[in-house]
Amino acid sequence: MSDDNDAELDRLQAAYKAAVETWITAIRAEEALASVDHSVAEVDKWENAHFLAEDARHDAEAAKAEYEDALREILFDID
């Protein structure tokens, strides 16, 4: 494996880890809003936090897929 391949895998791995951390932060924000006052405004914030967490999950899954694809291609020569 070349240094260029290592660098690319390192970049994709770091992007995946960052996306997962963003997702975790979004989940914690959603959870924090689940135990606030019982008002329409607070429920709206909670619902919005859920959508943000879902967006972050999709981003993490996409980053994971990109990293896995690169691993398959570089390590196993599978396109």
Protein backbone atom coordinates (compact mmCIF):
# COMPACT_ATOMS: atom_id res chain seq x y z
CA MET A 1 0.00 0.00 0.00
CA SER A 2 1.34 3.41 -0.91
CA ASP A 3 1.70 6.48 1.27
CA ASP A 4 -0.98 8.14 -0.89
CA ASN A 5 -3.37 5.30 -0.12
CA ASP A 6 -2.56 5.53 3.59
CA ALA A 7 -3.17 9.27 3.53
CA GLU A 8 -6.51 8.81 1.77
CA LEU A 9 -7.64 6.13 4.20
CA ASP A 10 -6.54 8.31 7.12
CA ARG A 11 -8.56 11.21 5.69
CA LEU A 12 -11.68 9.07 5.18
CA GLN A 13 -11.34 7.52 8.63
CA ALA A 14 -11.03 10.95 10.24
CA ALA A 15 -14.06 12.20 8.30
CA TYR A 16 -16.07 9.20 9.48
CA LYS A 17 -15.02 9.69 13.11
CA ALA A 18 -15.88 13.40 12.94
CA ALA A 19 -19.30 12.60 11.46
CA VAL A 20 -19.98 10.10 14.24
CA GLU A 21 -18.99 12.67 16.87
CA THR A 22 -21.36 15.19 15.28
CA TRP A 23 -24.11 12.56 15.35
CA ILE A 24 -23.44 11.81 19.03
CA THR A 25 -23.62 15.51 19.86
CA ALA A 26 -26.91 15.80 18.00
CA ILE A 27 -28.35 12.79 19.84
CA ARG A 28 -27.34 14.30 23.18
CA ALA A 29 -28.96 17.61 22.21
CA GLU A 30 -32.17 15.78 21.32
CA GLU A 31 -32.09 13.84 24.57
CA ALA A 32 -31.58 17.01 26.58
CA LEU A 33 -34.67 18.54 25.01
CA ALA A 34 -36.77 15.46 25.81
CA SER A 35 -36.93 16.42 29.47
CA VAL A 36 -37.84 20.10 29.33
CA ASP A 37 -41.11 21.93 29.95
CA HIS A 38 -44.27 20.53 28.42
CA SER A 39 -44.99 23.36 26.00
CA VAL A 40 -45.54 23.55 22.27
CA ALA A 41 -42.39 25.63 21.80
CA GLU A 42 -40.25 23.09 23.65
CA VAL A 43 -41.79 20.16 21.76
CA ASP A 44 -41.01 21.99 18.51
CA LYS A 45 -37.37 22.38 19.59
CA TRP A 46 -37.25 18.70 20.52
CA GLU A 47 -38.70 17.68 17.14
CA ASN A 48 -36.19 19.90 15.34
CA ALA A 49 -33.37 18.33 17.33
CA HIS A 50 -34.61 14.91 16.19
CA PHE A 51 -34.43 15.97 12.54
CA LEU A 52 -30.91 17.34 13.08
CA ALA A 53 -29.88 14.05 14.68
CA GLU A 54 -31.31 12.15 11.73
CA ASP A 55 -29.40 14.36 9.30
CA ALA A 56 -26.22 13.73 11.29
CA ARG A 57 -26.90 9.98 11.23
CA HIS A 58 -27.24 10.05 7.46
CA ASP A 59 -23.97 11.98 7.18
CA ALA A 60 -22.19 9.45 9.42
CA GLU A 61 -23.56 6.55 7.39
CA ALA A 62 -22.42 8.18 4.15
CA ALA A 63 -18.93 8.80 5.56
CA LYS A 64 -18.78 5.19 6.76
CA ALA A 65 -19.78 3.88 3.34
CA GLU A 66 -17.15 6.05 1.65
CA TYR A 67 -14.46 4.82 4.05
CA GLU A 68 -15.53 1.17 3.66
CA ASP A 69 -15.55 1.47 -0.14
CA ALA A 70 -12.01 2.88 -0.09
CA LEU A 71 -10.85 0.08 2.22
CA ARG A 72 -12.28 -2.54 -0.12
CA GLU A 73 -10.75 -0.89 -3.15
CA ILE A 74 -7.30 -0.28 -1.67
CA LEU A 75 -6.88 -3.39 0.49
CA PHE A 76 -8.72 -5.96 -1.60
CA ASP A 77 -8.78 -4.36 -5.07
CA ILE A 78 -12.59 -4.56 -5.07
CA ASP A 79 -14.41 -1.75 -6.86
